[in-house]
Amino acid sequence: QVQLVESGGGLVQPGGSLRLSCAASGFTFSWYRMSWYRQAPGQERELVASITSASSSTNYADFVKGRFTISRDNAKNTVYLQMNSLKPEDTAVYYCNAVRNWNPVQYWGQGTQVTVSS
């Protein structure tokens, strides 16, 4: 069974840090591009960061550049999102996503809540 399980969310003060993890199983993790998305209430789900399968090339949304870092450990079937200098507008549910090139099938995790508040 395919599973993507996010963890590491929680409540943090502005300027603080969190590290999110996404543990994958049930598919060949190393073949897939992995991404983090986020969604706040009443807003569209938006791409935060992604990392490719072959080269581990990374892409970031403009609003997180210089603050967030995505990485992957294929031996552990896990992708991470290191989140620094957090702002209240980063508050959202963060989702893990897996997709393979030229394949319409993709997988989603259940999400983990990140709340940035004083």
C-alpha atoms as a PDB file:
ATOM      1  CA  GLN A   1       0.000   0.000   0.000  1.00  0.00           C
ATOM      2  CA  VAL A   2       1.264   3.465  -0.914  1.00  0.00           C
ATOM      3  CA  GLN A   3       1.798   5.733   2.061  1.00  0.00           C
ATOM      4  CA  LEU A   4       3.168   9.233   2.565  1.00  0.00           C
ATOM      5  CA  VAL A   5       3.235  10.178   6.241  1.00  0.00           C
ATOM      6  CA  GLU A   6       4.141  13.726   7.250  1.00  0.00           C
ATOM      7  CA  SER A   7       5.395  14.670  10.691  1.00  0.00           C
ATOM      8  CA  GLY A   8       7.130  17.534  12.478  1.00  0.00           C
ATOM      9  CA  GLY A   9       4.447  20.193  12.402  1.00  0.00           C
ATOM     10  CA  GLY A  10       3.363  22.188  15.412  1.00  0.00           C
ATOM     11  CA  LEU A  11       3.161  25.617  16.998  1.00  0.00           C
ATOM     12  CA  VAL A  12       6.180  27.911  16.753  1.00  0.00           C
ATOM     13  CA  GLN A  13       6.816  31.606  17.406  1.00  0.00           C
ATOM     14  CA  PRO A  14       7.666  34.007  14.572  1.00  0.00           C
ATOM     15  CA  GLY A  15      11.335  33.711  13.697  1.00  0.00           C
ATOM     16  CA  GLY A  16      11.481  30.119  14.886  1.00  0.00           C
ATOM     17  CA  SER A  17      12.263  26.905  13.024  1.00  0.00           C
ATOM     18  CA  LEU A  18      10.681  23.539  12.292  1.00  0.00           C
ATOM     19  CA  ARG A  19      11.752  20.507  10.291  1.00  0.00           C
ATOM     20  CA  LEU A  20       9.056  18.541   8.506  1.00  0.00           C
ATOM     21  CA  SER A  21       9.539  14.926   7.467  1.00  0.00           C
ATOM     22  CA  CYS A  22       7.664  12.766   4.966  1.00  0.00           C
ATOM     23  CA  ALA A  23       8.181   9.012   5.154  1.00  0.00           C
ATOM     24  CA  ALA A  24       7.264   7.130   1.963  1.00  0.00           C
ATOM     25  CA  SER A  25       6.448   3.475   1.385  1.00  0.00           C
ATOM     26  CA  GLY A  26       4.756   1.241  -1.180  1.00  0.00           C
ATOM     27  CA  PHE A  27       6.509   2.630  -4.268  1.00  0.00           C
ATOM     28  CA  THR A  28      10.016   3.140  -5.650  1.00  0.00           C
ATOM     29  CA  PHE A  29      10.821   6.371  -3.864  1.00  0.00           C
ATOM     30  CA  SER A  30      14.009   7.153  -5.799  1.00  0.00           C
ATOM     31  CA  TRP A  31      12.099   7.301  -9.109  1.00  0.00           C
ATOM     32  CA  TYR A  32       9.828  10.124  -7.961  1.00  0.00           C
ATOM     33  CA  ARG A  33      10.038  13.881  -7.761  1.00  0.00           C
ATOM     34  CA  MET A  34       9.089  14.863  -4.209  1.00  0.00           C
ATOM     35  CA  SER A  35       7.426  18.130  -3.295  1.00  0.00           C
ATOM     36  CA  TRP A  36       6.003  20.042  -0.366  1.00  0.00           C
ATOM     37  CA  TYR A  37       2.756  21.959  -0.819  1.00  0.00           C
ATOM     38  CA  ARG A  38       0.803  24.022   1.668  1.00  0.00           C
ATOM     39  CA  GLN A  39      -2.781  25.160   2.006  1.00  0.00           C
ATOM     40  CA  ALA A  40      -4.308  27.735   4.316  1.00  0.00           C
ATOM     41  CA  PRO A  41      -8.075  27.852   4.976  1.00  0.00           C
ATOM     42  CA  GLY A  42      -9.962  29.369   2.046  1.00  0.00           C
ATOM     43  CA  GLN A  43      -6.881  29.408  -0.177  1.00  0.00           C
ATOM     44  CA  GLU A  44      -5.586  27.269  -3.013  1.00  0.00           C
ATOM     45  CA  ARG A  45      -2.955  24.657  -2.382  1.00  0.00           C
ATOM     46  CA  GLU A  46       0.412  26.064  -3.440  1.00  0.00           C
ATOM     47  CA  LEU A  47       3.811  24.576  -4.210  1.00  0.00           C
ATOM     48  CA  VAL A  48       6.463  25.348  -1.602  1.00  0.00           C
ATOM     49  CA  ALA A  49       9.477  23.346  -2.802  1.00  0.00           C
ATOM     50  CA  SER A  50      10.384  20.313  -4.895  1.00  0.00           C
ATOM     51  CA  ILE A  51      13.365  18.035  -5.426  1.00  0.00           C
ATOM     52  CA  THR A  52      13.929  15.845  -8.478  1.00  0.00           C
ATOM     53  CA  SER A  53      14.543  12.107  -8.570  1.00  0.00           C
ATOM     54  CA  ALA A  54      17.691  11.796 -10.698  1.00  0.00           C
ATOM     55  CA  SER A  55      19.786  14.854  -9.868  1.00  0.00           C
ATOM     56  CA  SER A  56      18.182  16.083  -6.630  1.00  0.00           C
ATOM     57  CA  SER A  57      17.796  19.476  -8.264  1.00  0.00           C
ATOM     58  CA  THR A  58      15.653  21.783  -6.126  1.00  0.00           C
ATOM     59  CA  ASN A  59      13.050  24.445  -6.817  1.00  0.00           C
ATOM     60  CA  TYR A  60      11.507  26.900  -4.369  1.00  0.00           C
ATOM     61  CA  ALA A  61       8.607  29.276  -4.331  1.00  0.00           C
ATOM     62  CA  ASP A  62       9.739  32.897  -4.147  1.00  0.00           C
ATOM     63  CA  PHE A  63       8.142  33.389  -0.744  1.00  0.00           C
ATOM     64  CA  VAL A  64      10.393  30.775   0.920  1.00  0.00           C
ATOM     65  CA  LYS A  65      13.717  31.288  -0.873  1.00  0.00           C
ATOM     66  CA  GLY A  66      16.523  31.759   1.615  1.00  0.00           C
ATOM     67  CA  ARG A  67      14.395  30.456   4.489  1.00  0.00           C
ATOM     68  CA  PHE A  68      13.379  26.876   3.613  1.00  0.00           C
ATOM     69  CA  THR A  69      15.483  23.940   2.408  1.00  0.00           C
ATOM     70  CA  ILE A  70      14.172  20.724   0.854  1.00  0.00           C
ATOM     71  CA  SER A  71      16.261  17.551   0.913  1.00  0.00           C
ATOM     72  CA  ARG A  72      15.814  13.809   0.453  1.00  0.00           C
ATOM     73  CA  ASP A  73      17.373  10.632   1.773  1.00  0.00           C
ATOM     74  CA  ASN A  74      16.649   7.825  -0.673  1.00  0.00           C
ATOM     75  CA  ALA A  75      18.076   5.204   1.689  1.00  0.00           C
ATOM     76  CA  LYS A  76      15.417   6.184   4.228  1.00  0.00           C
ATOM     77  CA  ASN A  77      12.648   6.891   1.681  1.00  0.00           C
ATOM     78  CA  THR A  78      12.205  10.270   3.339  1.00  0.00           C
ATOM     79  CA  VAL A  79      11.976  13.879   2.183  1.00  0.00           C
ATOM     80  CA  TYR A  80      12.506  16.814   4.541  1.00  0.00           C
ATOM     81  CA  LEU A  81      11.623  20.483   4.684  1.00  0.00           C
ATOM     82  CA  GLN A  82      13.775  22.616   6.972  1.00  0.00           C
ATOM     83  CA  MET A  83      11.844  25.786   7.772  1.00  0.00           C
ATOM     84  CA  ASN A  84      13.705  28.754   9.271  1.00  0.00           C
ATOM     85  CA  SER A  85      12.734  32.354   9.999  1.00  0.00           C
ATOM     86  CA  LEU A  86       9.085  31.380  10.093  1.00  0.00           C
ATOM     87  CA  LYS A  87       6.425  34.036   9.620  1.00  0.00           C
ATOM     88  CA  PRO A  88       2.734  34.069  10.588  1.00  0.00           C
ATOM     89  CA  GLU A  89       1.843  33.865   6.886  1.00  0.00           C
ATOM     90  CA  ASP A  90       3.567  30.465   6.756  1.00  0.00           C
ATOM     91  CA  THR A  91       0.697  29.060   8.819  1.00  0.00           C
ATOM     92  CA  ALA A  92      -0.929  26.266   6.802  1.00  0.00           C
ATOM     93  CA  VAL A  93      -1.332  22.537   6.440  1.00  0.00           C
ATOM     94  CA  TYR A  94       1.773  21.193   4.725  1.00  0.00           C
ATOM     95  CA  TYR A  95       1.430  18.218   2.369  1.00  0.00           C
ATOM     96  CA  CYS A  96       3.934  15.811   0.882  1.00  0.00           C
ATOM     97  CA  ASN A  97       3.563  14.895  -2.810  1.00  0.00           C
ATOM     98  CA  ALA A  98       5.203  12.312  -5.081  1.00  0.00           C
ATOM     99  CA  VAL A  99       5.049  12.268  -8.892  1.00  0.00           C
ATOM    100  CA  ARG A 100       6.924  10.461 -11.660  1.00  0.00           C
ATOM    101  CA  ASN A 101       7.780  12.056 -15.015  1.00  0.00           C
ATOM    102  CA  TRP A 102       5.227  11.418 -17.786  1.00  0.00           C
ATOM    103  CA  ASN A 103       2.980   9.536 -15.387  1.00  0.00           C
ATOM    104  CA  PRO A 104      -0.390  11.008 -14.376  1.00  0.00           C
ATOM    105  CA  VAL A 105      -0.439   9.087 -11.098  1.00  0.00           C
ATOM    106  CA  GLN A 106       0.639  11.007  -8.032  1.00  0.00           C
ATOM    107  CA  TYR A 107       0.463  10.457  -4.299  1.00  0.00           C
ATOM    108  CA  TRP A 108      -0.396  12.747  -1.387  1.00  0.00           C
ATOM    109  CA  GLY A 109       0.139  12.568   2.332  1.00  0.00           C
ATOM    110  CA  GLN A 110      -2.466  13.463   4.935  1.00  0.00           C
ATOM    111  CA  GLY A 111      -0.823  16.763   5.862  1.00  0.00           C
ATOM    112  CA  THR A 112       0.701  18.235   8.997  1.00  0.00           C
ATOM    113  CA  GLN A 113      -0.352  21.517  10.611  1.00  0.00           C
ATOM    114  CA  VAL A 114       2.173  24.335  10.981  1.00  0.00           C
ATOM    115  CA  THR A 115       1.089  27.319  13.059  1.00  0.00           C
ATOM    116  CA  VAL A 116       3.314  30.388  13.459  1.00  0.00           C
ATOM    117  CA  SER A 117       2.008  32.652  16.192  1.00  0.00           C
ATOM    118  CA  SER A 118       3.132  34.610  19.220  1.00  0.00           C
END
